[in-house]
Amino acid sequence: MPAEEGAEHRGAEIAANLARVEQRIAAACEAAGRDRKDVTLIVVTKTYPESDIRLLAGLGVREVAENRDQDAARKAAECADLSLNWHFVGQLQTNKARSVVRYADHVHSVDRLRLVGALSTAATAAGRQLGCLVQVALDAGSGERGERGGVAPDGVAAVADAIAVAPGLRLDGVMTVAPLAGAYAGQPRAAFDRLTEISSRLRETHPAANMVSAGMSQDLDEAVAAGATHLRVGTAVLGVRPGLR
């Protein structure tokens, strides 16, 4: 297929997928008695090319996410001419903090005090204000970290308090990934309900921290029902990842 035809076909594919996801979100909001405007779709573009991001931007998408700094930094630079908000959603090493703050508007995966310090130092040096979410691991016991990162529920307050007073950082809310193990394994709705409880408790001391990042392609409906404000959706919009075909 010629390149031009291929791009046109890809654009149509993404547009159709995006429309289906929008319908799912709208239906979930209606079922939950929520306003569609209160739920933000973030399209996770990991493993997909810069050309897909440009197609998404042409369809009105403004919120995009990556989970690896090397890929995110490159794509953000390639798409610097587009009006996009970049979300970093993967596990983050402290030595990547300086790079991430150059392009990210939000980091969803803050889960330890050392990372708070590294991000604060980097954001201050870059003259940026970085939105941070505490990643909650619902598969972790007290004092532990989750299999896919995150702090145990009883450690959320300490990380949140540190973000709130750190120069260059802004505490925006909480994030979780539906766990594969533990009490909430296979129960995304229960997991997201628990995250909403944690969010409510956090807002008692940090009222502006109202982002609740939860739900992906397979469980976005449950996330909306539980009160998520931000959904991180990749496959349902962009298709099966190139490396998995």
C-alpha atoms as a PDB file:
ATOM      1  CA  MET A   1       0.000   0.000   0.000  1.00  0.00           C
ATOM      2  CA  PRO A   2       1.433   3.438  -0.933  1.00  0.00           C
ATOM      3  CA  ALA A   3       2.481   5.584   2.038  1.00  0.00           C
ATOM      4  CA  GLU A   4      -0.249   8.149   1.452  1.00  0.00           C
ATOM      5  CA  GLU A   5      -2.949   5.487   1.314  1.00  0.00           C
ATOM      6  CA  GLY A   6      -1.485   3.821   4.375  1.00  0.00           C
ATOM      7  CA  ALA A   7      -1.643   7.050   6.364  1.00  0.00           C
ATOM      8  CA  GLU A   8      -5.228   7.631   5.266  1.00  0.00           C
ATOM      9  CA  HIS A   9      -6.185   4.083   6.279  1.00  0.00           C
ATOM     10  CA  ARG A  10      -4.470   4.475   9.654  1.00  0.00           C
ATOM     11  CA  GLY A  11      -6.216   7.779  10.242  1.00  0.00           C
ATOM     12  CA  ALA A  12      -9.596   6.220   9.556  1.00  0.00           C
ATOM     13  CA  GLU A  13      -8.795   3.273  11.841  1.00  0.00           C
ATOM     14  CA  ILE A  14      -7.810   5.530  14.730  1.00  0.00           C
ATOM     15  CA  ALA A  15     -10.832   7.784  14.214  1.00  0.00           C
ATOM     16  CA  ALA A  16     -13.199   4.794  14.339  1.00  0.00           C
ATOM     17  CA  ASN A  17     -11.523   3.378  17.441  1.00  0.00           C
ATOM     18  CA  LEU A  18     -11.568   6.753  19.174  1.00  0.00           C
ATOM     19  CA  ALA A  19     -15.272   7.162  18.408  1.00  0.00           C
ATOM     20  CA  ARG A  20     -15.995   3.743  19.955  1.00  0.00           C
ATOM     21  CA  VAL A  21     -14.038   4.620  23.094  1.00  0.00           C
ATOM     22  CA  GLU A  22     -15.846   7.944  23.353  1.00  0.00           C
ATOM     23  CA  GLN A  23     -19.160   6.073  23.117  1.00  0.00           C
ATOM     24  CA  ARG A  24     -18.070   3.725  25.905  1.00  0.00           C
ATOM     25  CA  ILE A  25     -17.089   6.625  28.134  1.00  0.00           C
ATOM     26  CA  ALA A  26     -20.328   8.490  27.415  1.00  0.00           C
ATOM     27  CA  ALA A  27     -22.406   5.378  28.178  1.00  0.00           C
ATOM     28  CA  ALA A  28     -20.473   4.726  31.397  1.00  0.00           C
ATOM     29  CA  CYS A  29     -20.934   8.349  32.480  1.00  0.00           C
ATOM     30  CA  GLU A  30     -24.666   8.178  31.775  1.00  0.00           C
ATOM     31  CA  ALA A  31     -25.008   4.931  33.724  1.00  0.00           C
ATOM     32  CA  ALA A  32     -23.138   6.459  36.671  1.00  0.00           C
ATOM     33  CA  GLY A  33     -25.026   9.754  36.545  1.00  0.00           C
ATOM     34  CA  ARG A  34     -21.843  11.655  35.763  1.00  0.00           C
ATOM     35  CA  ASP A  35     -21.162  14.509  33.357  1.00  0.00           C
ATOM     36  CA  ARG A  36     -18.965  13.414  30.436  1.00  0.00           C
ATOM     37  CA  LYS A  37     -16.982  16.640  30.818  1.00  0.00           C
ATOM     38  CA  ASP A  38     -15.765  15.429  34.220  1.00  0.00           C
ATOM     39  CA  VAL A  39     -13.823  12.510  32.687  1.00  0.00           C
ATOM     40  CA  THR A  40     -10.616  13.085  30.723  1.00  0.00           C
ATOM     41  CA  LEU A  41      -9.345  10.571  28.179  1.00  0.00           C
ATOM     42  CA  ILE A  42      -5.564  10.193  28.056  1.00  0.00           C
ATOM     43  CA  VAL A  43      -4.370   8.192  25.060  1.00  0.00           C
ATOM     44  CA  VAL A  44      -1.364   6.028  25.913  1.00  0.00           C
ATOM     45  CA  THR A  45       0.925   6.181  22.884  1.00  0.00           C
ATOM     46  CA  LYS A  46       3.687   3.839  24.068  1.00  0.00           C
ATOM     47  CA  THR A  47       5.217   1.778  21.229  1.00  0.00           C
ATOM     48  CA  TYR A  48       3.215   3.740  18.623  1.00  0.00           C
ATOM     49  CA  PRO A  49       4.954   6.119  16.211  1.00  0.00           C
ATOM     50  CA  GLU A  50       4.998   9.889  16.190  1.00  0.00           C
ATOM     51  CA  SER A  51       2.753   9.782  13.101  1.00  0.00           C
ATOM     52  CA  ASP A  52      -0.043   8.270  15.230  1.00  0.00           C
ATOM     53  CA  ILE A  53       0.291  11.101  17.733  1.00  0.00           C
ATOM     54  CA  ARG A  54      -0.135  13.596  14.903  1.00  0.00           C
ATOM     55  CA  LEU A  55      -3.248  11.763  13.719  1.00  0.00           C
ATOM     56  CA  LEU A  56      -4.626  11.848  17.268  1.00  0.00           C
ATOM     57  CA  ALA A  57      -3.941  15.578  17.531  1.00  0.00           C
ATOM     58  CA  GLY A  58      -5.815  16.075  14.281  1.00  0.00           C
ATOM     59  CA  LEU A  59      -8.794  14.298  15.842  1.00  0.00           C
ATOM     60  CA  GLY A  60      -8.776  16.668  18.808  1.00  0.00           C
ATOM     61  CA  VAL A  61      -6.826  14.575  21.323  1.00  0.00           C
ATOM     62  CA  ARG A  62      -4.724  16.774  23.613  1.00  0.00           C
ATOM     63  CA  GLU A  63      -3.786  14.389  26.447  1.00  0.00           C
ATOM     64  CA  VAL A  64      -1.183  11.711  25.635  1.00  0.00           C
ATOM     65  CA  ALA A  65       0.877   9.398  27.830  1.00  0.00           C
ATOM     66  CA  GLU A  66       4.107   7.439  27.702  1.00  0.00           C
ATOM     67  CA  ASN A  67       5.703   5.013  30.154  1.00  0.00           C
ATOM     68  CA  ARG A  68       9.368   5.069  29.106  1.00  0.00           C
ATOM     69  CA  ASP A  69      11.426   8.231  29.304  1.00  0.00           C
ATOM     70  CA  GLN A  70      13.602   7.480  26.273  1.00  0.00           C
ATOM     71  CA  ASP A  71      10.565   7.116  24.010  1.00  0.00           C
ATOM     72  CA  ALA A  72       8.639   9.948  25.625  1.00  0.00           C
ATOM     73  CA  ALA A  73      11.479  12.471  25.362  1.00  0.00           C
ATOM     74  CA  ARG A  74      11.963  11.696  21.670  1.00  0.00           C
ATOM     75  CA  LYS A  75       8.273  11.865  20.794  1.00  0.00           C
ATOM     76  CA  ALA A  76       7.700  15.041  22.798  1.00  0.00           C
ATOM     77  CA  ALA A  77      10.554  16.693  20.890  1.00  0.00           C
ATOM     78  CA  GLU A  78       9.226  15.458  17.534  1.00  0.00           C
ATOM     79  CA  CYS A  79       5.744  16.737  18.373  1.00  0.00           C
ATOM     80  CA  ALA A  80       6.790  20.027  19.979  1.00  0.00           C
ATOM     81  CA  ASP A  81       4.737  21.934  17.395  1.00  0.00           C
ATOM     82  CA  LEU A  82       1.512  20.311  18.628  1.00  0.00           C
ATOM     83  CA  SER A  83      -0.582  21.547  21.537  1.00  0.00           C
ATOM     84  CA  LEU A  84      -0.345  18.469  23.775  1.00  0.00           C
ATOM     85  CA  ASN A  85      -0.269  17.696  27.485  1.00  0.00           C
ATOM     86  CA  TRP A  86       2.191  14.888  28.223  1.00  0.00           C
ATOM     87  CA  HIS A  87       1.575  12.415  31.024  1.00  0.00           C
ATOM     88  CA  PHE A  88       4.298  10.080  32.269  1.00  0.00           C
ATOM     89  CA  VAL A  89       2.635   6.908  33.574  1.00  0.00           C
ATOM     90  CA  GLY A  90       5.421   4.324  33.965  1.00  0.00           C
ATOM     91  CA  GLN A  91       7.716   3.409  36.818  1.00  0.00           C
ATOM     92  CA  LEU A  92      10.322   6.121  37.090  1.00  0.00           C
ATOM     93  CA  GLN A  93      13.951   5.934  38.207  1.00  0.00           C
ATOM     94  CA  THR A  94      15.314   8.967  40.037  1.00  0.00           C
ATOM     95  CA  ASN A  95      18.099   9.393  37.466  1.00  0.00           C
ATOM     96  CA  LYS A  96      15.455  10.046  34.792  1.00  0.00           C
ATOM     97  CA  ALA A  97      13.846  12.911  36.696  1.00  0.00           C
ATOM     98  CA  ARG A  98      15.799  15.650  34.935  1.00  0.00           C
ATOM     99  CA  SER A  99      14.748  14.356  31.518  1.00  0.00           C
ATOM    100  CA  VAL A 100      11.093  13.790  32.431  1.00  0.00           C
ATOM    101  CA  VAL A 101      10.513  17.292  33.791  1.00  0.00           C
ATOM    102  CA  ARG A 102      11.567  18.785  30.460  1.00  0.00           C
ATOM    103  CA  TYR A 103       8.437  17.531  28.688  1.00  0.00           C
ATOM    104  CA  ALA A 104       5.955  16.016  31.154  1.00  0.00           C
ATOM    105  CA  ASP A 105       3.038  18.039  32.470  1.00  0.00           C
ATOM    106  CA  HIS A 106       2.005  15.273  34.883  1.00  0.00           C
ATOM    107  CA  VAL A 107       3.779  12.290  36.427  1.00  0.00           C
ATOM    108  CA  HIS A 108       1.263   9.659  37.567  1.00  0.00           C
ATOM    109  CA  SER A 109       3.745   7.272  39.176  1.00  0.00           C
ATOM    110  CA  VAL A 110       5.251   9.071  42.182  1.00  0.00           C
ATOM    111  CA  ASP A 111       5.614   6.442  44.890  1.00  0.00           C
ATOM    112  CA  ARG A 112       8.593   7.222  47.132  1.00  0.00           C
ATOM    113  CA  LEU A 113      10.223  10.146  48.882  1.00  0.00           C
ATOM    114  CA  ARG A 114      13.506   9.904  46.966  1.00  0.00           C
ATOM    115  CA  LEU A 115      11.626  10.347  43.718  1.00  0.00           C
ATOM    116  CA  VAL A 116       9.789  13.363  45.120  1.00  0.00           C
ATOM    117  CA  GLY A 117      13.152  14.933  45.937  1.00  0.00           C
ATOM    118  CA  ALA A 118      14.638  14.180  42.530  1.00  0.00           C
ATOM    119  CA  LEU A 119      11.616  15.568  40.669  1.00  0.00           C
ATOM    120  CA  SER A 120      11.563  18.684  42.834  1.00  0.00           C
ATOM    121  CA  THR A 121      15.245  19.393  42.229  1.00  0.00           C
ATOM    122  CA  ALA A 122      14.859  18.865  38.491  1.00  0.00           C
ATOM    123  CA  ALA A 123      11.646  20.891  38.172  1.00  0.00           C
ATOM    124  CA  THR A 124      13.101  23.787  40.127  1.00  0.00           C
ATOM    125  CA  ALA A 125      16.243  23.798  37.977  1.00  0.00           C
ATOM    126  CA  ALA A 126      14.105  23.765  34.827  1.00  0.00           C
ATOM    127  CA  GLY A 127      11.801  26.507  36.087  1.00  0.00           C
ATOM    128  CA  ARG A 128       8.768  24.248  35.688  1.00  0.00           C
ATOM    129  CA  GLN A 129       5.738  23.334  37.790  1.00  0.00           C
ATOM    130  CA  LEU A 130       5.117  19.577  37.554  1.00  0.00           C
ATOM    131  CA  GLY A 131       1.809  17.962  38.428  1.00  0.00           C
ATOM    132  CA  CYS A 132       2.301  14.780  40.471  1.00  0.00           C
ATOM    133  CA  LEU A 133      -0.005  11.903  41.355  1.00  0.00           C
ATOM    134  CA  VAL A 134       0.715   9.376  44.073  1.00  0.00           C
ATOM    135  CA  GLN A 135       0.650   5.875  42.609  1.00  0.00           C
ATOM    136  CA  VAL A 136      -1.229   3.575  44.971  1.00  0.00           C
ATOM    137  CA  ALA A 137      -0.384  -0.137  44.985  1.00  0.00           C
ATOM    138  CA  LEU A 138      -3.469  -2.064  46.047  1.00  0.00           C
ATOM    139  CA  ASP A 139      -1.474  -5.306  45.976  1.00  0.00           C
ATOM    140  CA  ALA A 140       1.090  -4.081  48.529  1.00  0.00           C
ATOM    141  CA  GLY A 141       1.181  -4.587  52.268  1.00  0.00           C
ATOM    142  CA  SER A 142       2.196  -1.923  54.740  1.00  0.00           C
ATOM    143  CA  GLY A 143       5.609  -0.487  53.897  1.00  0.00           C
ATOM    144  CA  GLU A 144       5.848  -2.417  50.633  1.00  0.00           C
ATOM    145  CA  ARG A 145       5.814  -1.402  46.971  1.00  0.00           C
ATOM    146  CA  GLY A 146       3.559  -3.016  44.396  1.00  0.00           C
ATOM    147  CA  GLU A 147       4.567  -5.415  41.648  1.00  0.00           C
ATOM    148  CA  ARG A 148       4.086  -2.636  39.100  1.00  0.00           C
ATOM    149  CA  GLY A 149       5.245   0.177  41.354  1.00  0.00           C
ATOM    150  CA  GLY A 150       3.200   2.240  43.756  1.00  0.00           C
ATOM    151  CA  VAL A 151       3.099   2.802  47.488  1.00  0.00           C
ATOM    152  CA  ALA A 152       0.876   0.836  49.859  1.00  0.00           C
ATOM    153  CA  PRO A 153      -2.322   2.643  50.891  1.00  0.00           C
ATOM    154  CA  ASP A 154      -0.967   3.458  54.339  1.00  0.00           C
ATOM    155  CA  GLY A 155       2.009   5.233  52.773  1.00  0.00           C
ATOM    156  CA  VAL A 156       0.023   7.566  50.521  1.00  0.00           C
ATOM    157  CA  ALA A 157      -0.246  10.428  53.020  1.00  0.00           C
ATOM    158  CA  ALA A 158       3.509  10.695  53.567  1.00  0.00           C
ATOM    159  CA  VAL A 159       4.305  10.818  49.843  1.00  0.00           C
ATOM    160  CA  ALA A 160       1.448  13.257  49.204  1.00  0.00           C
ATOM    161  CA  ASP A 161       2.547  15.578  52.018  1.00  0.00           C
ATOM    162  CA  ALA A 162       6.095  15.594  50.635  1.00  0.00           C
ATOM    163  CA  ILE A 163       4.885  16.489  47.132  1.00  0.00           C
ATOM    164  CA  ALA A 164       2.654  19.255  48.485  1.00  0.00           C
ATOM    165  CA  VAL A 165       5.567  21.136  50.065  1.00  0.00           C
ATOM    166  CA  ALA A 166       8.234  20.337  47.434  1.00  0.00           C
ATOM    167  CA  PRO A 167       9.342  23.308  45.293  1.00  0.00           C
ATOM    168  CA  GLY A 168       8.428  22.894  41.635  1.00  0.00           C
ATOM    169  CA  LEU A 169       5.823  20.203  42.296  1.00  0.00           C
ATOM    170  CA  ARG A 170       2.033  20.287  42.586  1.00  0.00           C
ATOM    171  CA  LEU A 171       0.006  17.513  44.212  1.00  0.00           C
ATOM    172  CA  ASP A 172      -2.727  16.627  41.714  1.00  0.00           C
ATOM    173  CA  GLY A 173      -4.192  13.372  43.067  1.00  0.00           C
ATOM    174  CA  VAL A 174      -3.804   9.600  42.996  1.00  0.00           C
ATOM    175  CA  MET A 175      -3.371   6.826  40.434  1.00  0.00           C
ATOM    176  CA  THR A 176      -3.638   3.059  40.418  1.00  0.00           C
ATOM    177  CA  VAL A 177      -3.459   0.087  38.079  1.00  0.00           C
ATOM    178  CA  ALA A 178      -5.955  -2.706  38.705  1.00  0.00           C
ATOM    179  CA  PRO A 179      -3.780  -5.282  40.514  1.00  0.00           C
ATOM    180  CA  LEU A 180      -3.014  -8.763  39.211  1.00  0.00           C
ATOM    181  CA  ALA A 181      -2.512 -10.203  42.697  1.00  0.00           C
ATOM    182  CA  GLY A 182      -3.869  -9.760  46.192  1.00  0.00           C
ATOM    183  CA  ALA A 183      -7.377  -9.077  47.444  1.00  0.00           C
ATOM    184  CA  TYR A 184      -8.356  -6.975  44.432  1.00  0.00           C
ATOM    185  CA  ALA A 185      -7.042  -9.280  41.696  1.00  0.00           C
ATOM    186  CA  GLY A 186      -9.674  -9.658  38.999  1.00  0.00           C
ATOM    187  CA  GLN A 187     -11.904  -7.095  40.690  1.00  0.00           C
ATOM    188  CA  PRO A 188     -11.252  -3.761  38.978  1.00  0.00           C
ATOM    189  CA  ARG A 189     -14.429  -2.101  40.246  1.00  0.00           C
ATOM    190  CA  ALA A 190     -13.581  -2.913  43.851  1.00  0.00           C
ATOM    191  CA  ALA A 191     -10.007  -1.722  43.288  1.00  0.00           C
ATOM    192  CA  PHE A 192     -11.167   1.572  41.803  1.00  0.00           C
ATOM    193  CA  ASP A 193     -13.719   2.061  44.578  1.00  0.00           C
ATOM    194  CA  ARG A 194     -10.867   1.684  47.054  1.00  0.00           C
ATOM    195  CA  LEU A 195      -8.823   4.276  45.147  1.00  0.00           C
ATOM    196  CA  THR A 196     -11.766   6.692  45.294  1.00  0.00           C
ATOM    197  CA  GLU A 197     -11.901   6.205  49.079  1.00  0.00           C
ATOM    198  CA  ILE A 198      -8.183   6.989  49.308  1.00  0.00           C
ATOM    199  CA  SER A 199      -8.712  10.056  47.117  1.00  0.00           C
ATOM    200  CA  SER A 200     -11.522  11.306  49.347  1.00  0.00           C
ATOM    201  CA  ARG A 201      -9.352  10.950  52.426  1.00  0.00           C
ATOM    202  CA  LEU A 202      -6.460  12.731  50.728  1.00  0.00           C
ATOM    203  CA  ARG A 203      -8.676  15.667  49.769  1.00  0.00           C
ATOM    204  CA  GLU A 204      -9.519  16.251  53.426  1.00  0.00           C
ATOM    205  CA  THR A 205      -5.998  17.646  53.848  1.00  0.00           C
ATOM    206  CA  HIS A 206      -5.237  18.530  50.200  1.00  0.00           C
ATOM    207  CA  PRO A 207      -8.526  19.749  48.665  1.00  0.00           C
ATOM    208  CA  ALA A 208      -7.016  20.551  45.256  1.00  0.00           C
ATOM    209  CA  ALA A 209      -5.672  17.009  44.750  1.00  0.00           C
ATOM    210  CA  ASN A 210      -8.783  15.906  42.873  1.00  0.00           C
ATOM    211  CA  MET A 211      -7.377  13.821  40.000  1.00  0.00           C
ATOM    212  CA  VAL A 212      -8.226  10.113  40.164  1.00  0.00           C
ATOM    213  CA  SER A 213      -6.296   8.309  37.422  1.00  0.00           C
ATOM    214  CA  ALA A 214      -7.645   4.793  36.889  1.00  0.00           C
ATOM    215  CA  GLY A 215      -8.904   2.531  34.156  1.00  0.00           C
ATOM    216  CA  MET A 216      -7.416   1.293  30.913  1.00  0.00           C
ATOM    217  CA  SER A 217      -8.823  -0.239  27.729  1.00  0.00           C
ATOM    218  CA  GLN A 218     -10.271  -3.318  29.413  1.00  0.00           C
ATOM    219  CA  ASP A 219     -11.702  -1.709  32.550  1.00  0.00           C
ATOM    220  CA  LEU A 220     -12.415   1.942  31.763  1.00  0.00           C
ATOM    221  CA  ASP A 221     -16.163   1.389  32.298  1.00  0.00           C
ATOM    222  CA  GLU A 222     -15.596   0.222  35.888  1.00  0.00           C
ATOM    223  CA  ALA A 223     -13.252   3.152  36.470  1.00  0.00           C
ATOM    224  CA  VAL A 224     -15.883   5.678  35.378  1.00  0.00           C
ATOM    225  CA  ALA A 225     -18.471   3.983  37.605  1.00  0.00           C
ATOM    226  CA  ALA A 226     -16.087   4.267  40.549  1.00  0.00           C
ATOM    227  CA  GLY A 227     -15.434   7.973  39.999  1.00  0.00           C
ATOM    228  CA  ALA A 228     -12.202   8.141  38.001  1.00  0.00           C
ATOM    229  CA  THR A 229     -11.475  11.562  36.523  1.00  0.00           C
ATOM    230  CA  HIS A 230      -8.753  10.430  34.105  1.00  0.00           C
ATOM    231  CA  LEU A 231      -8.615   7.251  31.992  1.00  0.00           C
ATOM    232  CA  ARG A 232      -5.371   5.905  30.476  1.00  0.00           C
ATOM    233  CA  VAL A 233      -6.360   4.121  27.254  1.00  0.00           C
ATOM    234  CA  GLY A 234      -4.010   2.749  24.611  1.00  0.00           C
ATOM    235  CA  THR A 235      -5.023  -0.440  22.797  1.00  0.00           C
ATOM    236  CA  ALA A 236      -8.712   0.437  22.456  1.00  0.00           C
ATOM    237  CA  VAL A 237      -7.766   3.605  20.547  1.00  0.00           C
ATOM    238  CA  LEU A 238      -4.581   2.628  18.714  1.00  0.00           C
ATOM    239  CA  GLY A 239      -5.018  -1.125  18.295  1.00  0.00           C
ATOM    240  CA  VAL A 240      -2.804  -4.037  19.295  1.00  0.00           C
ATOM    241  CA  ARG A 241       0.680  -2.738  19.994  1.00  0.00           C
ATOM    242  CA  PRO A 242       3.158  -3.263  17.136  1.00  0.00           C
ATOM    243  CA  GLY A 243       5.391  -5.478  19.268  1.00  0.00           C
ATOM    244  CA  LEU A 244       2.479  -7.759  20.175  1.00  0.00           C
ATOM    245  CA  ARG A 245       1.059  -8.463  16.718  1.00  0.00           C
END
